[in-house]
Amino acid sequence: MPILGLTGGIASGKSTLTTLLAARLQAEVFDSDKYVHGLLEGSEETIDAIAGKFGRDILRATGQIDRARLGAMVFSDPAKRRGLEAIIHPRVRAAWTELALSNRSVPGWLIIDIPLLFETEADLELPAVLLVGSSRETQMRRLTQIRGIKPDRARRMIEAQMDMAPKIVRTTHLIWNDGDLPSLHRQAELCARLLTSP
């Protein structure tokens, strides 16, 4: 099974591109964000580890993590963000590594969608990585005008991620998404052809 790591800056179109490529490659997708949401809602071990690190006030009445409260806490404090990542990232890596190993002989593609792929050095374990990027101006516009996020928080969200330049140096394939949706569709089609060409 060919494996492709896929990542991108926030509001760069990563989720849309993943959907477009998965359809064209008939690929199975490991969605790291969905996996993390599952951990925060249903993994007692993970919930206990986060509550132990950040306090029981981080829990909702149901015993699950209050993601909005946790997000506000870690985005405003880099040390707390690193503390959360130390709990979450090893669990995510173990999950996609196990999936890749168990599907090694299965035909078809496996796309591993990891927002912080380079930050966690997952690129060192993947045979190919596709980065979808966009300018900071585009990221800010999409976060504030489309998602309705306040500018200060949008700026912190962008700054919490690695700069685009070192990601570009380390990636195998790059799609630049400062344009409209039809442009991204065309780039996805070209990328799928490139990936499947002999």
C-alpha atoms as a PDB file:
ATOM      1  CA  MET A   1       0.000   0.000   0.000  1.00  0.00           C
ATOM      2  CA  PRO A   2       1.566   3.321  -1.031  1.00  0.00           C
ATOM      3  CA  ILE A   3       1.597   5.753   1.900  1.00  0.00           C
ATOM      4  CA  LEU A   4       1.394   9.536   1.647  1.00  0.00           C
ATOM      5  CA  GLY A   5       1.734  11.904   4.569  1.00  0.00           C
ATOM      6  CA  LEU A   6      -0.351  15.027   4.053  1.00  0.00           C
ATOM      7  CA  THR A   7      -0.041  18.235   5.999  1.00  0.00           C
ATOM      8  CA  GLY A   8      -0.503  21.976   5.700  1.00  0.00           C
ATOM      9  CA  GLY A   9      -0.630  25.234   7.561  1.00  0.00           C
ATOM     10  CA  ILE A  10      -3.829  26.167   9.310  1.00  0.00           C
ATOM     11  CA  ALA A  11      -6.483  27.432   6.868  1.00  0.00           C
ATOM     12  CA  SER A  12      -4.366  26.333   3.897  1.00  0.00           C
ATOM     13  CA  GLY A  13      -6.950  23.860   2.596  1.00  0.00           C
ATOM     14  CA  LYS A  14      -5.491  20.631   3.966  1.00  0.00           C
ATOM     15  CA  SER A  15      -8.819  18.988   4.781  1.00  0.00           C
ATOM     16  CA  THR A  16     -10.282  19.882   1.385  1.00  0.00           C
ATOM     17  CA  LEU A  17      -7.218  18.596  -0.432  1.00  0.00           C
ATOM     18  CA  THR A  18      -7.289  15.361   1.575  1.00  0.00           C
ATOM     19  CA  THR A  19     -10.879  14.759   0.467  1.00  0.00           C
ATOM     20  CA  LEU A  20     -10.056  15.536  -3.164  1.00  0.00           C
ATOM     21  CA  LEU A  21      -6.998  13.286  -3.267  1.00  0.00           C
ATOM     22  CA  ALA A  22      -8.666  10.437  -1.373  1.00  0.00           C
ATOM     23  CA  ALA A  23     -11.411  10.322  -4.007  1.00  0.00           C
ATOM     24  CA  ARG A  24      -8.949  10.365  -6.886  1.00  0.00           C
ATOM     25  CA  LEU A  25      -6.574   7.800  -5.363  1.00  0.00           C
ATOM     26  CA  GLN A  26      -9.350   5.670  -3.823  1.00  0.00           C
ATOM     27  CA  ALA A  27      -7.373   6.009  -0.628  1.00  0.00           C
ATOM     28  CA  GLU A  28      -8.042   5.183   2.981  1.00  0.00           C
ATOM     29  CA  VAL A  29      -7.465   8.221   5.195  1.00  0.00           C
ATOM     30  CA  PHE A  30      -6.126   8.372   8.720  1.00  0.00           C
ATOM     31  CA  ASP A  31      -7.409  11.710  10.029  1.00  0.00           C
ATOM     32  CA  SER A  32      -5.265  12.756  12.980  1.00  0.00           C
ATOM     33  CA  ASP A  33      -7.698  15.477  14.078  1.00  0.00           C
ATOM     34  CA  LYS A  34     -10.591  13.000  14.253  1.00  0.00           C
ATOM     35  CA  TYR A  35      -8.405  10.533  16.099  1.00  0.00           C
ATOM     36  CA  VAL A  36      -7.464  13.186  18.666  1.00  0.00           C
ATOM     37  CA  HIS A  37     -11.145  14.112  19.118  1.00  0.00           C
ATOM     38  CA  GLY A  38     -11.834  10.445  19.802  1.00  0.00           C
ATOM     39  CA  LEU A  39      -9.079  10.374  22.422  1.00  0.00           C
ATOM     40  CA  LEU A  40     -10.454  13.484  24.112  1.00  0.00           C
ATOM     41  CA  GLU A  41     -13.969  12.063  24.193  1.00  0.00           C
ATOM     42  CA  GLY A  42     -13.467   8.372  24.825  1.00  0.00           C
ATOM     43  CA  SER A  43      -9.972   7.437  25.996  1.00  0.00           C
ATOM     44  CA  GLU A  44      -9.952   7.344  29.786  1.00  0.00           C
ATOM     45  CA  GLU A  45      -6.175   7.030  29.827  1.00  0.00           C
ATOM     46  CA  THR A  46      -5.734  10.143  27.690  1.00  0.00           C
ATOM     47  CA  ILE A  47      -8.384  12.131  29.568  1.00  0.00           C
ATOM     48  CA  ASP A  48      -6.781  11.242  32.907  1.00  0.00           C
ATOM     49  CA  ALA A  49      -3.336  12.233  31.629  1.00  0.00           C
ATOM     50  CA  ILE A  50      -4.604  15.631  30.404  1.00  0.00           C
ATOM     51  CA  ALA A  51      -6.606  16.280  33.568  1.00  0.00           C
ATOM     52  CA  GLY A  52      -3.544  15.346  35.616  1.00  0.00           C
ATOM     53  CA  LYS A  53      -1.479  17.871  33.685  1.00  0.00           C
ATOM     54  CA  PHE A  54      -3.969  20.732  33.405  1.00  0.00           C
ATOM     55  CA  GLY A  55      -6.362  20.172  36.326  1.00  0.00           C
ATOM     56  CA  ARG A  56      -9.850  18.702  36.679  1.00  0.00           C
ATOM     57  CA  ASP A  57     -11.385  22.049  35.686  1.00  0.00           C
ATOM     58  CA  ILE A  58     -10.553  21.127  32.097  1.00  0.00           C
ATOM     59  CA  LEU A  59     -13.299  18.472  32.189  1.00  0.00           C
ATOM     60  CA  ARG A  60     -16.967  18.938  31.283  1.00  0.00           C
ATOM     61  CA  ALA A  61     -19.692  17.519  33.514  1.00  0.00           C
ATOM     62  CA  THR A  62     -19.698  14.401  31.313  1.00  0.00           C
ATOM     63  CA  GLY A  63     -16.083  13.693  32.221  1.00  0.00           C
ATOM     64  CA  GLN A  64     -14.853  14.510  28.718  1.00  0.00           C
ATOM     65  CA  ILE A  65     -12.304  17.181  27.868  1.00  0.00           C
ATOM     66  CA  ASP A  66     -13.707  20.657  27.266  1.00  0.00           C
ATOM     67  CA  ARG A  67     -11.888  21.207  23.968  1.00  0.00           C
ATOM     68  CA  ALA A  68     -12.697  24.927  23.756  1.00  0.00           C
ATOM     69  CA  ARG A  69     -11.310  25.592  27.234  1.00  0.00           C
ATOM     70  CA  LEU A  70      -8.248  23.433  26.607  1.00  0.00           C
ATOM     71  CA  GLY A  71      -7.615  25.116  23.254  1.00  0.00           C
ATOM     72  CA  ALA A  72      -7.804  28.603  24.743  1.00  0.00           C
ATOM     73  CA  MET A  73      -5.365  27.540  27.456  1.00  0.00           C
ATOM     74  CA  VAL A  74      -2.700  25.982  25.250  1.00  0.00           C
ATOM     75  CA  PHE A  75      -2.795  28.524  22.407  1.00  0.00           C
ATOM     76  CA  SER A  76      -1.974  31.306  24.870  1.00  0.00           C
ATOM     77  CA  ASP A  77       0.927  29.446  26.510  1.00  0.00           C
ATOM     78  CA  PRO A  78       3.621  27.668  24.451  1.00  0.00           C
ATOM     79  CA  ALA A  79       4.803  25.625  27.451  1.00  0.00           C
ATOM     80  CA  LYS A  80       1.284  24.291  28.050  1.00  0.00           C
ATOM     81  CA  ARG A  81       0.907  23.548  24.352  1.00  0.00           C
ATOM     82  CA  ARG A  82       4.098  21.472  24.442  1.00  0.00           C
ATOM     83  CA  GLY A  83       2.800  19.679  27.536  1.00  0.00           C
ATOM     84  CA  LEU A  84      -0.391  18.728  25.711  1.00  0.00           C
ATOM     85  CA  GLU A  85       1.529  17.658  22.625  1.00  0.00           C
ATOM     86  CA  ALA A  86       3.712  15.368  24.754  1.00  0.00           C
ATOM     87  CA  ILE A  87       0.541  13.518  25.781  1.00  0.00           C
ATOM     88  CA  ILE A  88      -1.250  13.478  22.411  1.00  0.00           C
ATOM     89  CA  HIS A  89       1.450  13.053  19.761  1.00  0.00           C
ATOM     90  CA  PRO A  90       2.854   9.666  20.843  1.00  0.00           C
ATOM     91  CA  ARG A  91      -0.667   8.199  20.860  1.00  0.00           C
ATOM     92  CA  VAL A  92      -1.405   9.545  17.387  1.00  0.00           C
ATOM     93  CA  ARG A  93       1.913   8.276  16.023  1.00  0.00           C
ATOM     94  CA  ALA A  94       1.312   4.811  17.459  1.00  0.00           C
ATOM     95  CA  ALA A  95      -2.129   4.670  15.834  1.00  0.00           C
ATOM     96  CA  TRP A  96      -1.086   5.633  12.295  1.00  0.00           C
ATOM     97  CA  THR A  97       2.082   3.530  12.478  1.00  0.00           C
ATOM     98  CA  GLU A  98       0.023   0.473  13.417  1.00  0.00           C
ATOM     99  CA  LEU A  99      -2.449   1.180  10.600  1.00  0.00           C
ATOM    100  CA  ALA A 100       0.359   1.515   8.052  1.00  0.00           C
ATOM    101  CA  LEU A 101       2.001  -1.722   9.175  1.00  0.00           C
ATOM    102  CA  SER A 102      -1.225  -3.714   9.215  1.00  0.00           C
ATOM    103  CA  ASN A 103      -2.134  -2.531   5.705  1.00  0.00           C
ATOM    104  CA  ARG A 104       1.287  -2.985   4.158  1.00  0.00           C
ATOM    105  CA  SER A 105       0.122  -5.629   1.657  1.00  0.00           C
ATOM    106  CA  VAL A 106      -3.315  -4.108   0.962  1.00  0.00           C
ATOM    107  CA  PRO A 107      -3.792  -2.536  -2.496  1.00  0.00           C
ATOM    108  CA  GLY A 108      -4.700   1.141  -2.701  1.00  0.00           C
ATOM    109  CA  TRP A 109      -3.323   4.241  -1.046  1.00  0.00           C
ATOM    110  CA  LEU A 110      -3.173   5.268   2.594  1.00  0.00           C
ATOM    111  CA  ILE A 111      -3.192   9.030   3.253  1.00  0.00           C
ATOM    112  CA  ILE A 112      -2.032  10.004   6.727  1.00  0.00           C
ATOM    113  CA  ASP A 113      -3.401  13.487   7.462  1.00  0.00           C
ATOM    114  CA  ILE A 114      -1.282  15.085  10.203  1.00  0.00           C
ATOM    115  CA  PRO A 115      -1.527  18.850  10.826  1.00  0.00           C
ATOM    116  CA  LEU A 116       1.756  18.928  12.793  1.00  0.00           C
ATOM    117  CA  LEU A 117       3.571  16.397  10.618  1.00  0.00           C
ATOM    118  CA  PHE A 118       6.878  18.280  10.457  1.00  0.00           C
ATOM    119  CA  GLU A 119       6.674  19.540  14.026  1.00  0.00           C
ATOM    120  CA  THR A 120       6.494  15.923  15.240  1.00  0.00           C
ATOM    121  CA  GLU A 121       9.133  14.771  12.708  1.00  0.00           C
ATOM    122  CA  ALA A 122       6.734  12.225  11.263  1.00  0.00           C
ATOM    123  CA  ASP A 123       8.226  13.054   7.854  1.00  0.00           C
ATOM    124  CA  LEU A 124      11.265  11.000   8.864  1.00  0.00           C
ATOM    125  CA  GLU A 125       9.078   7.877   8.964  1.00  0.00           C
ATOM    126  CA  LEU A 126       7.014   8.439   5.823  1.00  0.00           C
ATOM    127  CA  PRO A 127       8.089   7.598   2.260  1.00  0.00           C
ATOM    128  CA  ALA A 128       6.486  10.739   0.792  1.00  0.00           C
ATOM    129  CA  VAL A 129       4.939  13.926   2.144  1.00  0.00           C
ATOM    130  CA  LEU A 130       2.576  16.375   0.462  1.00  0.00           C
ATOM    131  CA  LEU A 131       2.415  19.894   1.875  1.00  0.00           C
ATOM    132  CA  VAL A 132      -0.412  22.284   1.050  1.00  0.00           C
ATOM    133  CA  GLY A 133       0.583  25.823   1.836  1.00  0.00           C
ATOM    134  CA  SER A 134      -0.646  29.378   1.538  1.00  0.00           C
ATOM    135  CA  SER A 135       0.541  32.843   2.477  1.00  0.00           C
ATOM    136  CA  ARG A 136      -0.017  34.259   5.951  1.00  0.00           C
ATOM    137  CA  GLU A 137      -2.285  36.882   4.441  1.00  0.00           C
ATOM    138  CA  THR A 138      -4.509  34.143   3.005  1.00  0.00           C
ATOM    139  CA  GLN A 139      -4.475  32.219   6.275  1.00  0.00           C
ATOM    140  CA  MET A 140      -5.497  35.328   8.227  1.00  0.00           C
ATOM    141  CA  ARG A 141      -8.265  36.157   5.760  1.00  0.00           C
ATOM    142  CA  ARG A 142      -9.706  32.644   5.872  1.00  0.00           C
ATOM    143  CA  LEU A 143      -9.524  32.430   9.667  1.00  0.00           C
ATOM    144  CA  THR A 144     -11.074  35.837  10.316  1.00  0.00           C
ATOM    145  CA  GLN A 145     -13.498  36.298   7.415  1.00  0.00           C
ATOM    146  CA  ILE A 146     -14.593  32.708   6.771  1.00  0.00           C
ATOM    147  CA  ARG A 147     -14.252  31.093  10.194  1.00  0.00           C
ATOM    148  CA  GLY A 148     -15.048  34.232  12.189  1.00  0.00           C
ATOM    149  CA  ILE A 149     -12.014  34.007  14.472  1.00  0.00           C
ATOM    150  CA  LYS A 150     -10.789  37.230  16.048  1.00  0.00           C
ATOM    151  CA  PRO A 151      -7.527  38.539  14.527  1.00  0.00           C
ATOM    152  CA  ASP A 152      -5.416  38.205  17.687  1.00  0.00           C
ATOM    153  CA  ARG A 153      -6.400  34.570  18.174  1.00  0.00           C
ATOM    154  CA  ALA A 154      -5.983  33.833  14.458  1.00  0.00           C
ATOM    155  CA  ARG A 155      -2.473  35.267  14.592  1.00  0.00           C
ATOM    156  CA  ARG A 156      -1.587  33.121  17.623  1.00  0.00           C
ATOM    157  CA  MET A 157      -2.934  30.020  15.859  1.00  0.00           C
ATOM    158  CA  ILE A 158      -0.732  30.682  12.838  1.00  0.00           C
ATOM    159  CA  GLU A 159       2.321  31.487  14.956  1.00  0.00           C
ATOM    160  CA  ALA A 160       1.870  28.264  16.942  1.00  0.00           C
ATOM    161  CA  GLN A 161       2.827  26.325  13.819  1.00  0.00           C
ATOM    162  CA  MET A 162       6.205  25.977  12.165  1.00  0.00           C
ATOM    163  CA  ASP A 163       6.971  28.570   9.490  1.00  0.00           C
ATOM    164  CA  MET A 164       6.189  27.491   5.943  1.00  0.00           C
ATOM    165  CA  ALA A 165       9.741  27.868   4.559  1.00  0.00           C
ATOM    166  CA  PRO A 166      11.378  24.991   6.497  1.00  0.00           C
ATOM    167  CA  LYS A 167       8.395  22.777   5.705  1.00  0.00           C
ATOM    168  CA  ILE A 168       8.836  23.429   1.987  1.00  0.00           C
ATOM    169  CA  VAL A 169      12.487  22.375   2.199  1.00  0.00           C
ATOM    170  CA  ARG A 170      11.530  19.058   3.813  1.00  0.00           C
ATOM    171  CA  THR A 171       8.489  18.113   1.733  1.00  0.00           C
ATOM    172  CA  THR A 172       8.321  15.756  -1.244  1.00  0.00           C
ATOM    173  CA  HIS A 173       5.411  17.472  -3.013  1.00  0.00           C
ATOM    174  CA  LEU A 174       4.008  20.993  -2.646  1.00  0.00           C
ATOM    175  CA  ILE A 175       0.627  22.466  -3.540  1.00  0.00           C
ATOM    176  CA  TRP A 176       0.245  26.224  -3.082  1.00  0.00           C
ATOM    177  CA  ASN A 177      -3.329  27.191  -2.278  1.00  0.00           C
ATOM    178  CA  ASP A 178      -3.732  30.956  -2.358  1.00  0.00           C
ATOM    179  CA  GLY A 179      -6.357  30.654  -5.097  1.00  0.00           C
ATOM    180  CA  ASP A 180      -9.958  29.532  -5.325  1.00  0.00           C
ATOM    181  CA  LEU A 181     -11.517  26.075  -4.982  1.00  0.00           C
ATOM    182  CA  PRO A 182     -11.496  25.246  -8.727  1.00  0.00           C
ATOM    183  CA  SER A 183      -7.736  25.903  -8.724  1.00  0.00           C
ATOM    184  CA  LEU A 184      -7.281  23.463  -5.828  1.00  0.00           C
ATOM    185  CA  HIS A 185      -9.359  20.878  -7.709  1.00  0.00           C
ATOM    186  CA  ARG A 186      -7.057  21.204 -10.717  1.00  0.00           C
ATOM    187  CA  GLN A 187      -3.955  20.871  -8.575  1.00  0.00           C
ATOM    188  CA  ALA A 188      -5.380  17.794  -6.842  1.00  0.00           C
ATOM    189  CA  GLU A 189      -6.019  16.190 -10.218  1.00  0.00           C
ATOM    190  CA  LEU A 190      -2.470  16.884 -11.390  1.00  0.00           C
ATOM    191  CA  CYS A 191      -1.042  15.626  -8.111  1.00  0.00           C
ATOM    192  CA  ALA A 192      -3.035  12.377  -8.300  1.00  0.00           C
ATOM    193  CA  ARG A 193      -1.748  11.794 -11.833  1.00  0.00           C
ATOM    194  CA  LEU A 194       1.818  12.401 -10.698  1.00  0.00           C
ATOM    195  CA  LEU A 195       1.506  10.036  -7.744  1.00  0.00           C
ATOM    196  CA  THR A 196       0.038   7.221  -9.846  1.00  0.00           C
ATOM    197  CA  SER A 197       2.252   7.601 -12.895  1.00  0.00           C
ATOM    198  CA  PRO A 198       4.653   4.679 -13.469  1.00  0.00           C
END
